[in-house]
């Protein structure tokens, strides 16, 4: 079991230290009751899953998936406190299987001596490898511990299937500005655990800036408030006033929430491409800026732009692909940060261009035919008659040379006879593709009239 200090466990002693004010503000202000917990009403509100589980003290093993500062660790501690369970907290960054075994042994002793349940909390559980995650399984299955994992990454990809099947995944949402305002005000006015005795006063512009930069991360906001209280000088009345400029100095600059190997990366790229496809240049440029600011590889962005030009703009504006490739070459040539300018030009061009995915659809239809249908032989008239034997077998017979015909169109079908009536490419009615549609229709209409 955990070591005793004057009749209390080490965990209990550390908890009291936090309450006494020796811990950072973000730790001191952790909610002690459900009423103090801000946000996540969709799982903690009356009648919702976690509220019912706490009320009945029937807490299942679970994975809390949400962005930084949304309350995952706080919620796990709160669940343990409200259900009378012993809390063992580990971090996957600094802990391993040996620490896990110690925690499990502690849980067994508590169960045997006091019949007290244990919640085993593992922060950033996605950082455990497969073997480490496997080590959790038997103790969850036999009920030695109730497991609560916290992660900022998609559990579908980062947590093994066996562990996922034994847990409930609860999605935590980013805190809204309204939630953040409650947390900030509570910290500023709380005289027991917060900054109520520091007489810290935020000017409206500083408050708005703090909300913007914190972006739903309560920990960032509270850390900034604590630093401001430490370095702001009181005026004659003892008030520590914090303006916008001072708050900017306190926060310096927060790194964008963007992991180039994680969900934020894929979500942002998805938002970027879909904004271009939706012909929304403002959103497209915004998501471009988010990627650039986060240090995304400009060649990765350029590749996505080239793909979008072909897939989403397509034949509605064939110039789009040339502009996209030119932007890629320009970035390669001039480098960053100036390379962001041709990227932005290409993005705006694509977003405002007419759209057609007809070429992409045609490719997929043809691939489906090739993969699922028979592999028909090439029609004889399309084969090159390189030798006399080939000519005698009919290679090249009846082939019509397009340039010998009016408009360089011979009206000859070139698909295998078995599928000659199939249509893979259906031109759209936007931009240049409307011209293509009319041209094709004219060609075949004239051919039909000649045949009649």
Protein backbone atom coordinates (compact mmCIF):
# COMPACT_ATOMS: atom_id res chain seq x y z
CA UNK A 1 0.00 0.00 0.00
CA UNK A 2 0.99 3.65 -0.22
CA UNK A 3 3.35 4.79 2.50
CA UNK A 4 1.73 6.33 5.61
CA UNK A 5 2.53 9.79 6.93
CA UNK A 6 0.91 10.44 10.31
CA UNK A 7 -2.04 8.15 9.61
CA UNK A 8 -2.60 9.30 6.01
CA UNK A 9 -1.44 7.89 2.72
CA UNK A 10 1.10 9.69 0.59
CA UNK A 11 -1.64 10.43 -1.93
CA UNK A 12 -3.81 11.98 0.77
CA UNK A 13 -0.87 14.02 2.03
CA UNK A 14 -0.14 15.33 -1.46
CA UNK A 15 -3.79 16.18 -1.84
CA UNK A 16 -3.71 18.25 1.31
CA UNK A 17 -0.60 20.01 0.07
CA UNK A 18 -2.49 21.04 -3.03
CA UNK A 19 -5.34 22.38 -0.94
CA UNK A 20 -2.85 24.27 1.23
CA UNK A 21 -1.64 26.23 -1.75
CA UNK A 22 1.73 24.69 -2.51
CA UNK A 23 0.59 23.38 -5.88
CA UNK A 24 0.12 25.48 -9.05
CA UNK A 25 -3.14 27.36 -9.39
CA UNK A 26 -4.48 24.92 -11.98
CA UNK A 27 -4.05 22.06 -9.50
CA UNK A 28 -5.43 24.01 -6.53
CA UNK A 29 -8.55 24.98 -8.45
CA UNK A 30 -9.49 21.44 -9.42
CA UNK A 31 -13.21 21.03 -8.72
CA UNK A 32 -14.12 19.10 -5.57
CA UNK A 33 -17.77 18.56 -6.46
CA UNK A 34 -19.83 18.05 -9.60
CA UNK A 35 -21.32 21.49 -9.04
CA UNK A 36 -17.85 23.03 -9.31
CA UNK A 37 -17.00 21.11 -12.48
CA UNK A 38 -17.47 23.27 -15.55
CA UNK A 39 -18.39 21.89 -18.98
CA UNK A 40 -19.04 18.36 -20.30
CA UNK A 41 -22.77 18.62 -19.57
CA UNK A 42 -23.39 15.94 -22.21
CA UNK A 43 -21.91 13.29 -19.91
CA UNK A 44 -22.22 14.92 -16.46
CA UNK A 45 -25.62 16.55 -16.73
CA UNK A 46 -28.60 15.10 -14.81
CA UNK A 47 -29.51 11.70 -16.19
CA UNK A 48 -26.43 11.38 -18.37
CA UNK A 49 -24.07 8.41 -18.25
CA UNK A 50 -21.34 9.60 -15.90
CA UNK A 51 -23.72 11.39 -13.55
CA UNK A 52 -25.73 8.17 -13.17
CA UNK A 53 -22.57 6.09 -12.71
CA UNK A 54 -21.33 8.37 -9.92
CA UNK A 55 -24.72 8.48 -8.23
CA UNK A 56 -24.96 4.68 -8.15
CA UNK A 57 -21.22 4.20 -7.52
CA UNK A 58 -21.17 1.80 -10.47
CA UNK A 59 -18.36 3.37 -12.48
CA UNK A 60 -17.27 1.40 -15.55
CA UNK A 61 -13.75 1.36 -16.90
CA UNK A 62 -13.52 4.18 -19.41
CA UNK A 63 -11.33 6.23 -21.69
CA UNK A 64 -11.71 10.00 -21.57
CA UNK A 65 -10.89 11.42 -24.97
CA UNK A 66 -10.64 15.17 -25.33
CA UNK A 67 -8.41 18.15 -26.03
CA UNK A 68 -5.84 19.48 -23.54
CA UNK A 69 -7.31 21.34 -20.58
CA UNK A 70 -10.84 19.97 -21.02
CA UNK A 71 -10.86 18.33 -17.56
CA UNK A 72 -9.87 14.70 -18.11
CA UNK A 73 -7.59 14.35 -15.07
CA UNK A 74 -9.88 16.46 -12.92
CA UNK A 75 -12.86 14.34 -13.87
CA UNK A 76 -11.04 11.10 -13.04
CA UNK A 77 -10.07 12.44 -9.60
CA UNK A 78 -13.59 13.69 -9.04
CA UNK A 79 -15.10 10.32 -9.90
CA UNK A 80 -12.80 8.63 -7.38
CA UNK A 81 -13.57 11.14 -4.65
CA UNK A 82 -17.33 11.07 -5.12
CA UNK A 83 -17.52 7.27 -5.19
CA UNK A 84 -15.16 6.70 -2.25
CA UNK A 85 -12.62 4.90 -4.42
CA UNK A 86 -8.89 4.99 -3.86
CA UNK A 87 -7.15 6.92 -6.64
CA UNK A 88 -3.88 5.83 -8.22
CA UNK A 89 -2.58 8.18 -10.89
CA UNK A 90 0.09 7.26 -13.42
CA UNK A 91 1.40 9.00 -16.50
CA UNK A 92 2.21 6.92 -19.56
CA UNK A 93 5.06 9.34 -20.26
CA UNK A 94 7.00 8.50 -17.09
CA UNK A 95 5.53 5.16 -15.97
CA UNK A 96 5.88 1.59 -17.16
CA UNK A 97 4.67 -1.93 -16.40
CA UNK A 98 6.57 -1.99 -13.08
CA UNK A 99 4.62 1.06 -11.86
CA UNK A 100 1.43 -0.54 -13.08
CA UNK A 101 2.15 -3.69 -11.06
CA UNK A 102 2.82 -1.64 -7.91
CA UNK A 103 -0.49 0.13 -8.35
CA UNK A 104 -2.36 -3.14 -8.87
CA UNK A 105 -0.76 -4.65 -5.75
CA UNK A 106 -1.80 -1.59 -3.78
CA UNK A 107 -5.35 -2.00 -5.08
CA UNK A 108 -5.40 -5.67 -4.05
CA UNK A 109 -4.29 -4.83 -0.51
CA UNK A 110 -6.92 -2.12 -0.17
CA UNK A 111 -9.61 -4.47 -1.43
CA UNK A 112 -8.56 -7.18 1.04
CA UNK A 113 -8.14 -4.89 4.08
CA UNK A 114 -10.88 -2.29 3.60
CA UNK A 115 -13.00 -3.66 0.74
CA UNK A 116 -12.30 -0.31 -0.94
CA UNK A 117 -12.34 -0.07 -4.74
CA UNK A 118 -9.48 1.52 -6.65
CA UNK A 119 -9.52 3.71 -9.71
CA UNK A 120 -6.35 3.34 -11.75
CA UNK A 121 -5.91 6.49 -13.83
CA UNK A 122 -3.37 6.56 -16.66
CA UNK A 123 -2.82 9.92 -18.27
CA UNK A 124 -1.85 10.01 -21.95
CA UNK A 125 -2.57 6.29 -22.21
CA UNK A 126 -1.97 6.46 -25.98
CA UNK A 127 1.75 6.68 -25.19
CA UNK A 128 1.74 3.15 -23.78
CA UNK A 129 2.85 0.60 -26.35
CA UNK A 130 0.84 -2.54 -27.10
CA UNK A 131 2.59 -4.67 -24.48
CA UNK A 132 2.05 -2.03 -21.81
CA UNK A 133 -1.63 -1.69 -22.70
CA UNK A 134 -1.95 -5.49 -22.68
CA UNK A 135 -0.69 -5.48 -19.10
CA UNK A 136 -3.76 -3.50 -18.00
CA UNK A 137 -6.26 -6.03 -19.36
CA UNK A 138 -6.30 -8.80 -16.72
CA UNK A 139 -6.71 -6.36 -13.84
CA UNK A 140 -9.65 -4.67 -15.55
CA UNK A 141 -11.25 -8.03 -16.35
CA UNK A 142 -11.00 -9.44 -12.82
CA UNK A 143 -12.18 -6.21 -11.21
CA UNK A 144 -9.01 -5.46 -9.27
CA UNK A 145 -9.14 -1.89 -10.60
CA UNK A 146 -11.52 0.35 -12.45
CA UNK A 147 -9.42 1.74 -15.26
CA UNK A 148 -9.74 5.33 -16.47
CA UNK A 149 -7.46 6.38 -19.30
CA UNK A 150 -7.04 9.90 -20.63
CA UNK A 151 -5.95 10.72 -24.15
CA UNK A 152 -5.89 13.59 -26.60
CA UNK A 153 -5.60 11.17 -29.52
CA UNK A 154 -8.28 9.12 -31.25
CA UNK A 155 -8.59 5.88 -29.23
CA UNK A 156 -9.61 4.01 -32.37
CA UNK A 157 -6.03 4.31 -33.59
CA UNK A 158 -4.02 4.64 -30.37
CA UNK A 159 -5.62 2.15 -27.97
CA UNK A 160 -5.56 -1.60 -28.59
CA UNK A 161 -8.85 -3.24 -29.55
CA UNK A 162 -8.86 -5.56 -26.52
CA UNK A 163 -8.70 -2.62 -24.13
CA UNK A 164 -11.25 -0.63 -26.10
CA UNK A 165 -13.71 -3.52 -25.91
CA UNK A 166 -13.48 -3.48 -22.11
CA UNK A 167 -14.00 0.25 -21.69
CA UNK A 168 -16.45 2.98 -22.52
CA UNK A 169 -15.07 5.85 -24.57
CA UNK A 170 -16.40 9.20 -23.35
CA UNK A 171 -15.67 12.17 -25.58
CA UNK A 172 -14.92 15.45 -23.81
CA UNK A 173 -15.64 18.60 -25.75
CA UNK A 174 -13.45 21.73 -25.81
CA UNK A 175 -14.51 24.24 -23.18
CA UNK A 176 -16.47 27.16 -24.57
CA UNK A 177 -15.69 30.79 -23.80
CA UNK A 178 -18.63 30.73 -21.37
CA UNK A 179 -17.10 27.79 -19.53
CA UNK A 180 -13.70 29.45 -19.52
CA UNK A 181 -15.18 32.67 -18.14
CA UNK A 182 -16.64 30.76 -15.18
CA UNK A 183 -13.27 29.12 -14.48
CA UNK A 184 -11.39 32.42 -14.73
CA UNK A 185 -13.83 34.28 -12.49
CA UNK A 186 -13.75 31.53 -9.89
CA UNK A 187 -9.95 31.63 -9.78
CA UNK A 188 -9.92 35.43 -9.49
CA UNK A 189 -12.39 35.52 -6.61
CA UNK A 190 -11.62 32.37 -4.60
CA UNK A 191 -9.75 33.44 -1.45
CA UNK A 192 -9.12 29.90 -0.23
CA UNK A 193 -7.50 28.21 -3.23
CA UNK A 194 -7.45 30.91 -5.88
CA UNK A 195 -6.22 34.47 -6.37
CA UNK A 196 -8.90 36.24 -4.40
CA UNK A 197 -6.35 37.72 -2.02
CA UNK A 198 -4.14 38.97 -4.87
CA UNK A 199 -6.65 41.61 -6.02
CA UNK A 200 -5.96 40.80 -9.66
CA UNK A 201 -8.18 42.69 -12.09
CA UNK A 202 -8.38 41.89 -15.81
CA UNK A 203 -9.28 44.67 -18.20
CA UNK A 204 -11.87 43.60 -20.83
CA UNK A 205 -9.28 43.53 -23.63
CA UNK A 206 -6.92 41.38 -21.56
CA UNK A 207 -9.74 39.02 -20.67
CA UNK A 208 -10.80 38.67 -24.30
CA UNK A 209 -7.21 38.02 -25.35
CA UNK A 210 -6.78 35.37 -22.65
CA UNK A 211 -9.94 33.59 -23.79
CA UNK A 212 -8.76 33.65 -27.39
CA UNK A 213 -5.28 32.33 -26.73
CA UNK A 214 -6.38 29.71 -24.20
CA UNK A 215 -8.75 28.27 -26.84
CA UNK A 216 -10.72 26.19 -24.37
CA UNK A 217 -7.70 24.98 -22.38
CA UNK A 218 -8.40 25.78 -18.72
CA UNK A 219 -4.85 24.94 -17.68
CA UNK A 220 -3.37 27.55 -20.03
CA UNK A 221 -5.75 30.21 -18.72
CA UNK A 222 -5.08 29.45 -15.05
CA UNK A 223 -1.31 29.29 -15.53
CA UNK A 224 -1.43 32.70 -17.23
CA UNK A 225 -3.49 34.18 -14.39
CA UNK A 226 -1.07 32.82 -11.81
CA UNK A 227 1.95 34.29 -13.58
CA UNK A 228 0.17 37.61 -13.99
CA UNK A 229 -0.55 37.69 -10.24
CA UNK A 230 3.08 36.98 -9.48
CA UNK A 231 4.62 39.70 -11.64
CA UNK A 232 1.96 42.44 -11.84
CA UNK A 233 2.71 45.39 -9.58
CA UNK A 234 -0.14 46.67 -7.36
CA UNK A 235 -1.25 50.25 -7.72
CA UNK A 236 -1.77 52.66 -4.84
CA UNK A 237 -5.00 50.89 -3.95
CA UNK A 238 -3.36 47.47 -3.93
CA UNK A 239 -5.04 46.35 -7.18
CA UNK A 240 -2.99 44.47 -9.74
CA UNK A 241 -4.41 45.65 -13.04
CA UNK A 242 -3.73 43.57 -16.13
CA UNK A 243 -4.20 45.14 -19.55
CA UNK A 244 -4.04 43.62 -23.00
CA UNK A 245 -0.35 44.42 -23.52
CA UNK A 246 0.58 42.94 -20.15
CA UNK A 247 -1.40 39.76 -20.86
CA UNK A 248 0.31 39.44 -24.24
CA UNK A 249 3.64 39.65 -22.43
CA UNK A 250 2.55 37.02 -19.89
CA UNK A 251 1.34 34.58 -22.52
CA UNK A 252 4.10 35.36 -25.01
CA UNK A 253 2.91 33.03 -27.71
CA UNK A 254 1.23 29.70 -27.32
CA UNK A 255 2.20 26.94 -29.75
CA UNK A 256 -0.76 26.02 -31.93
CA UNK A 257 -2.61 22.87 -30.89
CA UNK A 258 -1.42 20.86 -33.84
CA UNK A 259 0.34 17.52 -33.71
CA UNK A 260 1.67 16.72 -37.18
CA UNK A 261 1.28 13.02 -36.46
CA UNK A 262 -2.04 13.14 -34.66
CA UNK A 263 -5.70 13.99 -34.97
CA UNK A 264 -5.22 17.75 -35.12
CA UNK A 265 -3.09 17.28 -38.22
CA UNK A 266 -5.67 15.20 -40.04
CA UNK A 267 -8.64 17.25 -38.84
CA UNK A 268 -7.05 20.51 -40.01
CA UNK A 269 -6.06 19.11 -43.39
CA UNK A 270 -9.59 17.75 -43.79
CA UNK A 271 -11.07 21.15 -42.95
CA UNK A 272 -8.71 22.78 -45.46
CA UNK A 273 -9.60 20.48 -48.36
CA UNK A 274 -13.31 20.58 -47.63
CA UNK A 275 -13.29 24.38 -47.49
CA UNK A 276 -11.65 24.53 -50.93
CA UNK A 277 -14.20 22.04 -52.24
CA UNK A 278 -17.03 24.10 -50.75
CA UNK A 279 -15.83 27.23 -52.60
CA UNK A 280 -15.21 29.04 -49.31
CA UNK A 281 -11.97 31.02 -49.84
CA UNK A 282 -12.05 32.63 -46.40
CA UNK A 283 -12.17 29.30 -44.59
CA UNK A 284 -9.65 27.76 -47.00
CA UNK A 285 -7.10 30.52 -46.34
CA UNK A 286 -7.76 30.32 -42.59
CA UNK A 287 -7.02 26.59 -42.45
CA UNK A 288 -3.99 27.16 -44.67
CA UNK A 289 -2.75 29.73 -42.16
CA UNK A 290 -3.33 27.31 -39.29
CA UNK A 291 -1.14 24.71 -40.97
CA UNK A 292 1.58 27.20 -41.86
CA UNK A 293 1.64 28.65 -38.35
CA UNK A 294 1.92 25.16 -36.86
CA UNK A 295 5.01 24.45 -38.95
CA UNK A 296 3.43 22.00 -41.37
CA UNK A 297 5.68 20.86 -44.20
CA UNK A 298 4.89 23.27 -47.08
CA UNK A 299 5.44 20.45 -49.57
CA UNK A 300 2.70 18.46 -47.85
CA UNK A 301 0.35 21.44 -48.23
CA UNK A 302 1.36 21.86 -51.87
CA UNK A 303 0.66 18.20 -52.58
CA UNK A 304 -2.82 18.53 -51.11
CA UNK A 305 -3.44 21.59 -53.29
CA UNK A 306 -2.37 19.69 -56.43
CA UNK A 307 -4.67 16.80 -55.53
CA UNK A 308 -7.56 19.15 -54.88
CA UNK A 309 -7.02 20.87 -58.23
CA UNK A 310 -7.42 17.57 -60.04
CA UNK A 311 -10.07 16.00 -57.83
CA UNK A 312 -12.36 18.91 -56.96
CA UNK A 313 -11.88 21.51 -59.73
CA UNK A 314 -10.97 19.08 -62.46
CA UNK A 315 -12.12 19.81 -65.99
CA UNK A 316 -14.37 22.64 -64.83
CA UNK A 317 -11.17 24.71 -64.94
CA UNK A 318 -8.18 22.79 -66.34
CA UNK A 319 -5.93 25.76 -65.50
CA UNK A 320 -6.33 24.95 -61.81
CA UNK A 321 -3.94 22.00 -61.99
CA UNK A 322 -1.30 24.12 -63.71
CA UNK A 323 -1.62 26.82 -61.07
CA UNK A 324 -1.40 24.25 -58.28
CA UNK A 325 1.75 22.72 -59.74
CA UNK A 326 3.20 26.20 -60.27
CA UNK A 327 2.56 26.97 -56.58
CA UNK A 328 4.36 23.78 -55.61
CA UNK A 329 7.33 24.73 -57.77
CA UNK A 330 7.32 28.27 -56.40
CA UNK A 331 7.42 27.07 -52.80
CA UNK A 332 10.23 24.70 -53.67
CA UNK A 333 12.11 27.53 -55.39
CA UNK A 334 11.71 30.41 -52.92
CA UNK A 335 11.18 28.50 -49.67
CA UNK A 336 9.33 29.73 -46.62
CA UNK A 337 8.03 32.08 -45.35
CA UNK A 338 7.61 33.78 -48.76
CA UNK A 339 6.45 30.48 -50.25
CA UNK A 340 3.22 30.88 -48.32
CA UNK A 341 2.17 33.61 -50.77
CA UNK A 342 1.94 31.41 -53.91
CA UNK A 343 0.27 28.76 -51.76
CA UNK A 344 -2.38 31.28 -50.75
CA UNK A 345 -2.84 32.39 -54.37
CA UNK A 346 -3.39 28.81 -55.48
CA UNK A 347 -5.80 28.15 -52.61
CA UNK A 348 -7.89 31.20 -53.44
CA UNK A 349 -7.90 30.28 -57.14
CA UNK A 350 -9.07 26.74 -56.39
CA UNK A 351 -11.67 27.85 -53.87
CA UNK A 352 -13.21 30.34 -56.31
CA UNK A 353 -12.98 28.13 -59.41
CA UNK A 354 -15.96 26.18 -60.79
CA UNK A 355 -15.99 22.63 -59.47
CA UNK A 356 -16.25 19.22 -61.06
CA UNK A 357 -15.19 15.81 -59.84
CA UNK A 358 -16.28 14.14 -63.08
CA UNK A 359 -12.73 13.09 -63.99
CA UNK A 360 -12.23 11.57 -60.55
CA UNK A 361 -15.58 9.80 -60.73
CA UNK A 362 -14.74 8.52 -64.22
CA UNK A 363 -11.47 7.06 -62.93
CA UNK A 364 -13.24 5.31 -60.05
CA UNK A 365 -15.88 3.88 -62.38
CA UNK A 366 -13.25 2.60 -64.74
CA UNK A 367 -11.23 1.10 -61.90
CA UNK A 368 -14.35 -0.61 -60.59
CA UNK A 369 -14.97 -2.07 -64.05
CA UNK A 370 -11.38 -3.23 -64.40
CA UNK A 371 -11.27 -4.78 -60.94
CA UNK A 372 -14.64 -6.45 -60.91
CA UNK A 373 -15.28 -7.26 -64.56
CA UNK A 374 -13.62 -9.46 -67.11
CA UNK A 375 -10.36 -8.45 -68.70
CA UNK A 376 -11.60 -8.10 -72.26
CA UNK A 377 -9.08 -8.28 -75.10
CA UNK A 378 -8.06 -5.08 -76.86
CA UNK A 379 -10.26 -4.63 -79.98
CA UNK A 380 -8.39 -5.64 -83.16
CA UNK A 381 -8.70 -2.22 -84.79
CA UNK A 382 -6.71 -0.67 -81.90
CA UNK A 383 -3.81 -3.09 -82.11
CA UNK A 384 -0.66 -2.20 -84.01
CA UNK A 385 0.01 -4.48 -86.99
CA UNK A 386 3.77 -4.66 -86.63
CA UNK A 387 4.23 -7.88 -88.65
CA UNK A 388 2.58 -9.53 -91.62
CA UNK A 389 1.15 -12.22 -89.38
CA UNK A 390 -0.49 -9.56 -87.25
CA UNK A 391 -2.01 -7.93 -90.33
CA UNK A 392 -3.30 -11.29 -91.48
CA UNK A 393 -4.97 -11.76 -88.12
CA UNK A 394 -6.81 -8.45 -88.51
CA UNK A 395 -4.66 -6.24 -86.33
CA UNK A 396 -5.35 -2.59 -87.15
CA UNK A 397 -8.15 -3.45 -89.60
CA UNK A 398 -10.86 -0.78 -89.95
CA UNK A 399 -8.97 1.63 -87.69
CA UNK A 400 -10.04 5.19 -88.46
CA UNK A 401 -7.32 7.83 -88.20
CA UNK A 402 -9.02 10.72 -86.40
CA UNK A 403 -7.16 13.48 -88.24
CA UNK A 404 -8.50 12.27 -91.56
CA UNK A 405 -12.02 13.14 -90.49
CA UNK A 406 -13.91 16.41 -90.05
CA UNK A 407 -13.14 18.02 -86.72
CA UNK A 408 -10.55 15.30 -86.09
CA UNK A 409 -13.35 13.09 -84.84
CA UNK A 410 -13.93 9.70 -86.45
CA UNK A 411 -16.85 8.57 -84.29
CA UNK A 412 -15.30 5.16 -83.70
CA UNK A 413 -15.94 3.23 -80.47
CA UNK A 414 -12.77 2.07 -78.76
CA UNK A 415 -14.00 0.18 -75.72
CA UNK A 416 -14.12 -3.61 -75.87
CA UNK A 417 -17.34 -4.60 -77.67
CA UNK A 418 -18.71 -6.22 -74.51
CA UNK A 419 -18.86 -2.87 -72.68
CA UNK A 420 -18.88 -0.40 -75.57
CA UNK A 421 -22.05 1.32 -74.34
CA UNK A 422 -20.70 2.03 -70.85
CA UNK A 423 -20.08 5.64 -69.87
CA UNK A 424 -17.42 6.37 -67.29
CA UNK A 425 -16.99 10.12 -67.85
CA UNK A 426 -20.08 12.29 -67.49
CA UNK A 427 -19.09 15.96 -67.95
CA UNK A 428 -20.58 18.45 -65.52
CA UNK A 429 -22.21 21.76 -66.32
CA UNK A 430 -19.73 24.09 -64.62
CA UNK A 431 -17.05 26.23 -66.24
CA UNK A 432 -15.00 24.75 -69.04
CA UNK A 433 -16.59 21.35 -68.54
CA UNK A 434 -19.84 22.68 -69.91
CA UNK A 435 -17.95 23.33 -73.16
CA UNK A 436 -16.60 19.78 -73.03
CA UNK A 437 -20.11 18.40 -72.54
CA UNK A 438 -21.46 20.34 -75.50
CA UNK A 439 -18.51 19.29 -77.65
CA UNK A 440 -18.97 15.60 -76.91
CA UNK A 441 -22.70 15.78 -77.50
CA UNK A 442 -22.12 17.54 -80.83
CA UNK A 443 -19.56 14.96 -81.96
CA UNK A 444 -21.82 11.99 -81.33
CA UNK A 445 -24.94 13.74 -82.60
CA UNK A 446 -23.20 14.45 -85.93
CA UNK A 447 -21.91 10.88 -86.10
CA UNK A 448 -25.39 9.53 -85.54
CA UNK A 449 -26.84 11.76 -88.26
CA UNK A 450 -24.19 10.54 -90.72
CA UNK A 451 -24.95 6.91 -89.89
CA UNK A 452 -28.63 7.52 -90.53
